[in-house]
N, C-alpha and C. Protein backbone atom coordinates (compact mmCIF):
# COMPACT_ATOMS: atom_id res chain seq x y z
N MET A 1 9.67 85.17 -11.62
CA MET A 1 9.80 84.07 -10.69
C MET A 1 11.07 84.27 -9.85
N SER A 2 10.93 84.13 -8.56
CA SER A 2 12.08 84.35 -7.70
C SER A 2 12.97 83.11 -7.65
N LYS A 3 14.22 83.38 -7.35
CA LYS A 3 15.23 82.32 -7.29
C LYS A 3 15.06 81.49 -6.01
N ARG A 4 15.27 80.21 -6.14
CA ARG A 4 15.19 79.31 -4.99
C ARG A 4 16.37 79.56 -4.04
N HIS A 5 16.08 79.63 -2.76
CA HIS A 5 17.11 79.79 -1.74
C HIS A 5 17.69 78.43 -1.37
N THR A 6 18.97 78.41 -1.04
CA THR A 6 19.60 77.23 -0.47
C THR A 6 19.19 77.16 0.99
N VAL A 7 18.80 75.98 1.44
CA VAL A 7 18.38 75.80 2.84
C VAL A 7 19.49 75.06 3.59
N LEU A 8 19.91 75.65 4.69
CA LEU A 8 20.96 75.07 5.53
C LEU A 8 20.45 74.94 6.97
N PHE A 9 20.87 73.88 7.64
CA PHE A 9 20.61 73.71 9.06
C PHE A 9 21.91 73.96 9.81
N THR A 10 21.86 74.76 10.86
CA THR A 10 23.04 74.89 11.72
C THR A 10 23.25 73.56 12.45
N LYS A 11 24.42 73.39 13.03
CA LYS A 11 24.67 72.17 13.81
C LYS A 11 23.65 72.06 14.94
N THR A 12 23.33 73.16 15.57
CA THR A 12 22.36 73.14 16.67
C THR A 12 20.99 72.69 16.17
N ALA A 13 20.56 73.19 15.01
CA ALA A 13 19.27 72.78 14.46
C ALA A 13 19.28 71.30 14.10
N LYS A 14 20.39 70.80 13.57
CA LYS A 14 20.50 69.37 13.28
C LYS A 14 20.40 68.56 14.57
N ASP A 15 21.09 69.02 15.61
CA ASP A 15 21.02 68.34 16.91
C ASP A 15 19.60 68.37 17.47
N ASP A 16 18.95 69.52 17.37
CA ASP A 16 17.55 69.63 17.82
C ASP A 16 16.69 68.58 17.13
N SER A 17 16.81 68.52 15.80
CA SER A 17 16.01 67.59 15.00
C SER A 17 16.24 66.15 15.45
N GLN A 18 17.49 65.80 15.61
CA GLN A 18 17.83 64.43 16.00
C GLN A 18 17.32 64.11 17.41
N ASN A 19 17.45 65.05 18.32
CA ASN A 19 16.97 64.83 19.69
C ASN A 19 15.46 64.61 19.74
N TYR A 20 14.71 65.44 19.00
CA TYR A 20 13.25 65.26 18.97
C TYR A 20 12.89 63.94 18.31
N TYR A 21 13.58 63.63 17.22
CA TYR A 21 13.33 62.37 16.52
C TYR A 21 13.53 61.18 17.47
N GLU A 22 14.64 61.18 18.20
CA GLU A 22 14.93 60.08 19.12
C GLU A 22 13.88 59.97 20.23
N ARG A 23 13.45 61.10 20.74
CA ARG A 23 12.42 61.08 21.80
C ARG A 23 11.11 60.51 21.28
N ILE A 24 10.71 60.98 20.10
CA ILE A 24 9.45 60.50 19.51
C ILE A 24 9.56 59.01 19.18
N LYS A 25 10.71 58.59 18.68
CA LYS A 25 10.92 57.20 18.25
C LYS A 25 10.74 56.22 19.41
N LYS A 26 11.09 56.62 20.62
CA LYS A 26 10.94 55.74 21.78
C LYS A 26 9.48 55.36 22.01
N GLU A 27 8.58 56.28 21.72
CA GLU A 27 7.15 56.05 21.95
C GLU A 27 6.42 55.60 20.68
N GLU A 28 6.76 56.22 19.55
CA GLU A 28 6.02 56.00 18.30
C GLU A 28 6.99 56.00 17.11
N PRO A 29 7.62 54.88 16.80
CA PRO A 29 8.60 54.84 15.70
C PRO A 29 8.05 55.33 14.36
N THR A 30 6.83 54.98 14.04
CA THR A 30 6.24 55.42 12.77
C THR A 30 6.06 56.93 12.74
N VAL A 31 5.65 57.49 13.85
CA VAL A 31 5.46 58.94 13.95
C VAL A 31 6.81 59.65 13.83
N ALA A 32 7.84 59.03 14.39
CA ALA A 32 9.19 59.62 14.31
C ALA A 32 9.64 59.73 12.85
N GLU A 33 9.38 58.71 12.07
CA GLU A 33 9.75 58.75 10.64
C GLU A 33 8.96 59.83 9.91
N ALA A 34 7.68 59.95 10.25
CA ALA A 34 6.85 61.00 9.64
C ALA A 34 7.37 62.39 10.03
N PHE A 35 7.82 62.53 11.27
CA PHE A 35 8.38 63.79 11.75
C PHE A 35 9.62 64.16 10.93
N LYS A 36 10.52 63.20 10.76
CA LYS A 36 11.74 63.44 10.00
C LYS A 36 11.40 63.84 8.55
N SER A 37 10.46 63.14 7.97
CA SER A 37 10.04 63.43 6.59
C SER A 37 9.42 64.82 6.48
N LYS A 38 8.60 65.18 7.45
CA LYS A 38 7.94 66.50 7.42
C LYS A 38 8.96 67.62 7.60
N LEU A 39 10.00 67.40 8.41
CA LEU A 39 11.05 68.41 8.55
C LEU A 39 11.72 68.66 7.20
N ARG A 40 12.03 67.59 6.49
CA ARG A 40 12.67 67.74 5.17
C ARG A 40 11.75 68.47 4.19
N GLU A 41 10.49 68.06 4.16
CA GLU A 41 9.51 68.69 3.25
C GLU A 41 9.39 70.18 3.53
N HIS A 42 9.27 70.51 4.81
CA HIS A 42 9.06 71.92 5.17
C HIS A 42 10.31 72.74 4.90
N ALA A 43 11.47 72.16 5.13
CA ALA A 43 12.72 72.86 4.81
C ALA A 43 12.78 73.15 3.31
N SER A 44 12.39 72.18 2.50
CA SER A 44 12.38 72.38 1.05
C SER A 44 11.41 73.49 0.66
N LEU A 45 10.26 73.53 1.29
CA LEU A 45 9.28 74.58 1.02
C LEU A 45 9.86 75.96 1.34
N LEU A 46 10.63 76.05 2.42
CA LEU A 46 11.26 77.33 2.78
C LEU A 46 12.24 77.78 1.70
N GLY A 47 12.85 76.84 1.00
CA GLY A 47 13.74 77.21 -0.09
C GLY A 47 12.99 77.91 -1.21
N GLU A 48 11.75 77.53 -1.43
CA GLU A 48 10.92 78.16 -2.46
C GLU A 48 10.23 79.42 -1.95
N PHE A 49 9.79 79.38 -0.70
CA PHE A 49 9.03 80.49 -0.12
C PHE A 49 9.64 80.88 1.22
N PRO A 50 10.78 81.54 1.19
CA PRO A 50 11.51 81.81 2.44
C PRO A 50 10.80 82.74 3.42
N ARG A 51 9.86 83.50 2.96
CA ARG A 51 9.20 84.47 3.86
C ARG A 51 7.84 84.00 4.37
N ILE A 52 7.58 82.68 4.33
CA ILE A 52 6.28 82.20 4.80
C ILE A 52 6.15 82.28 6.32
N GLY A 53 7.25 82.41 7.01
CA GLY A 53 7.21 82.50 8.47
C GLY A 53 6.81 83.90 8.92
N ARG A 54 6.67 84.03 10.19
CA ARG A 54 6.35 85.34 10.78
C ARG A 54 7.44 85.71 11.77
N SER A 55 7.56 87.01 12.01
CA SER A 55 8.50 87.45 13.03
C SER A 55 7.89 87.18 14.39
N PRO A 56 8.54 86.40 15.22
CA PRO A 56 7.98 86.11 16.53
C PRO A 56 8.02 87.34 17.44
N GLU A 57 7.03 87.45 18.30
CA GLU A 57 6.93 88.61 19.19
C GLU A 57 8.12 88.72 20.13
N TYR A 58 8.80 87.63 20.41
CA TYR A 58 9.94 87.66 21.32
C TYR A 58 11.22 88.14 20.65
N ASP A 59 11.20 88.34 19.33
CA ASP A 59 12.39 88.77 18.59
C ASP A 59 12.30 90.27 18.32
N SER A 60 12.72 91.06 19.28
CA SER A 60 12.59 92.52 19.16
C SER A 60 13.50 93.10 18.08
N ASP A 61 14.54 92.37 17.69
CA ASP A 61 15.44 92.86 16.65
C ASP A 61 14.95 92.56 15.24
N GLY A 62 13.94 91.71 15.11
CA GLY A 62 13.40 91.38 13.80
C GLY A 62 14.34 90.56 12.93
N ILE A 63 15.20 89.78 13.54
CA ILE A 63 16.18 88.98 12.81
C ILE A 63 15.58 87.65 12.36
N TYR A 64 14.80 87.04 13.22
CA TYR A 64 14.33 85.68 13.00
C TYR A 64 12.92 85.62 12.44
N LEU A 65 12.64 84.50 11.77
CA LEU A 65 11.28 84.15 11.37
C LEU A 65 10.98 82.80 12.02
N GLN A 66 9.71 82.55 12.26
CA GLN A 66 9.28 81.29 12.85
C GLN A 66 8.16 80.73 12.00
N THR A 67 8.22 79.44 11.71
CA THR A 67 7.16 78.78 10.97
C THR A 67 6.89 77.42 11.59
N PRO A 68 5.61 77.10 11.81
CA PRO A 68 5.29 75.80 12.41
C PRO A 68 5.56 74.65 11.45
N ILE A 69 5.84 73.49 12.01
CA ILE A 69 6.02 72.27 11.22
C ILE A 69 4.63 71.67 11.02
N PRO A 70 4.14 71.65 9.78
CA PRO A 70 2.78 71.13 9.53
C PRO A 70 2.63 69.69 10.02
N GLY A 71 1.52 69.46 10.71
CA GLY A 71 1.23 68.12 11.21
C GLY A 71 1.85 67.80 12.56
N PHE A 72 2.68 68.70 13.07
CA PHE A 72 3.34 68.47 14.36
C PHE A 72 3.18 69.71 15.23
N LYS A 73 1.99 69.82 15.78
CA LYS A 73 1.64 70.97 16.61
C LYS A 73 2.67 71.16 17.72
N GLY A 74 3.10 72.40 17.86
CA GLY A 74 4.05 72.72 18.91
C GLY A 74 5.50 72.71 18.47
N PHE A 75 5.77 72.28 17.23
CA PHE A 75 7.14 72.28 16.72
C PHE A 75 7.27 73.33 15.63
N ALA A 76 8.43 73.98 15.59
CA ALA A 76 8.64 75.04 14.60
C ALA A 76 10.11 75.17 14.25
N PHE A 77 10.34 75.75 13.09
CA PHE A 77 11.68 76.18 12.69
C PHE A 77 11.84 77.63 13.10
N ILE A 78 12.99 77.97 13.63
CA ILE A 78 13.40 79.36 13.81
C ILE A 78 14.51 79.56 12.78
N TYR A 79 14.37 80.57 11.95
CA TYR A 79 15.32 80.71 10.85
C TYR A 79 15.56 82.16 10.45
N VAL A 80 16.60 82.34 9.66
CA VAL A 80 16.94 83.64 9.10
C VAL A 80 17.00 83.49 7.58
N VAL A 81 16.72 84.58 6.92
CA VAL A 81 16.77 84.60 5.46
C VAL A 81 17.82 85.61 5.02
N THR A 82 18.73 85.17 4.17
CA THR A 82 19.69 86.07 3.55
C THR A 82 19.31 86.18 2.08
N GLU A 83 20.10 86.86 1.32
CA GLU A 83 19.80 87.05 -0.09
C GLU A 83 19.67 85.72 -0.84
N GLU A 84 20.48 84.74 -0.47
CA GLU A 84 20.48 83.47 -1.19
C GLU A 84 20.20 82.24 -0.33
N LYS A 85 20.11 82.41 0.99
CA LYS A 85 20.00 81.25 1.87
C LYS A 85 18.87 81.40 2.88
N VAL A 86 18.36 80.26 3.29
CA VAL A 86 17.52 80.14 4.47
C VAL A 86 18.36 79.33 5.45
N ILE A 87 18.62 79.91 6.62
CA ILE A 87 19.43 79.23 7.62
C ILE A 87 18.54 78.89 8.81
N ILE A 88 18.27 77.60 8.96
CA ILE A 88 17.45 77.15 10.08
C ILE A 88 18.38 77.04 11.29
N VAL A 89 18.12 77.90 12.28
CA VAL A 89 19.03 77.98 13.42
C VAL A 89 18.60 77.09 14.58
N ARG A 90 17.30 76.83 14.67
CA ARG A 90 16.79 75.94 15.73
C ARG A 90 15.54 75.23 15.23
N VAL A 91 15.34 74.03 15.74
CA VAL A 91 14.06 73.33 15.63
C VAL A 91 13.58 73.28 17.07
N VAL A 92 12.41 73.86 17.33
CA VAL A 92 11.99 74.06 18.72
C VAL A 92 10.61 73.51 19.00
N ASN A 93 10.41 73.22 20.26
CA ASN A 93 9.08 72.98 20.80
C ASN A 93 8.62 74.37 21.25
N THR A 94 7.54 74.86 20.67
CA THR A 94 7.13 76.25 20.92
C THR A 94 6.64 76.49 22.35
N ARG A 95 6.54 75.44 23.14
CA ARG A 95 6.17 75.62 24.55
C ARG A 95 7.37 75.94 25.42
N MET A 96 8.56 75.93 24.80
CA MET A 96 9.79 76.23 25.54
C MET A 96 9.95 77.74 25.68
N ASP A 97 10.93 78.15 26.47
CA ASP A 97 11.24 79.57 26.66
C ASP A 97 12.08 80.04 25.47
N LEU A 98 11.41 80.40 24.39
CA LEU A 98 12.12 80.74 23.16
C LEU A 98 13.01 81.97 23.26
N PRO A 99 12.61 83.03 23.95
CA PRO A 99 13.56 84.15 24.07
C PRO A 99 14.87 83.74 24.73
N GLU A 100 14.78 82.85 25.70
CA GLU A 100 16.00 82.38 26.37
C GLU A 100 16.84 81.53 25.42
N ILE A 101 16.20 80.68 24.65
CA ILE A 101 16.90 79.81 23.70
C ILE A 101 17.65 80.65 22.67
N LEU A 102 17.02 81.70 22.18
CA LEU A 102 17.63 82.50 21.12
C LEU A 102 18.79 83.36 21.60
N LYS A 103 18.97 83.50 22.88
CA LYS A 103 20.11 84.26 23.39
C LYS A 103 21.43 83.59 23.00
N TYR A 104 21.38 82.28 22.78
CA TYR A 104 22.59 81.52 22.54
C TYR A 104 22.73 81.01 21.11
N VAL A 105 22.00 81.62 20.20
CA VAL A 105 22.05 81.20 18.79
C VAL A 105 23.19 81.90 18.09
N GLU A 106 23.94 81.12 17.34
CA GLU A 106 25.00 81.68 16.48
C GLU A 106 24.65 81.32 15.05
N ILE A 107 24.78 82.29 14.18
CA ILE A 107 24.46 82.08 12.77
C ILE A 107 25.74 81.95 11.98
């Protein structure tokens, strides 16, 4: 059995999460709470199964993994896996220009 990874959100990923939550809350408060809950659930799952994501085609260096947020089509975590940690670097709307967004990611 493999060891559970610690899951961390960068400040940018936390800001992303909060911004999406606030936007959704304006239109659908109940959906916003479900979104927040699903982010937590999926982050926890990554701690157990850190390699469930795929390498996105826009990441030519093979550094990042991307996994969709279940139940919220178009939203995903962009993350890196180290020996002991999963570091979620961004929470993104996959319709955005992701290669451009990742140019400014600091881990």
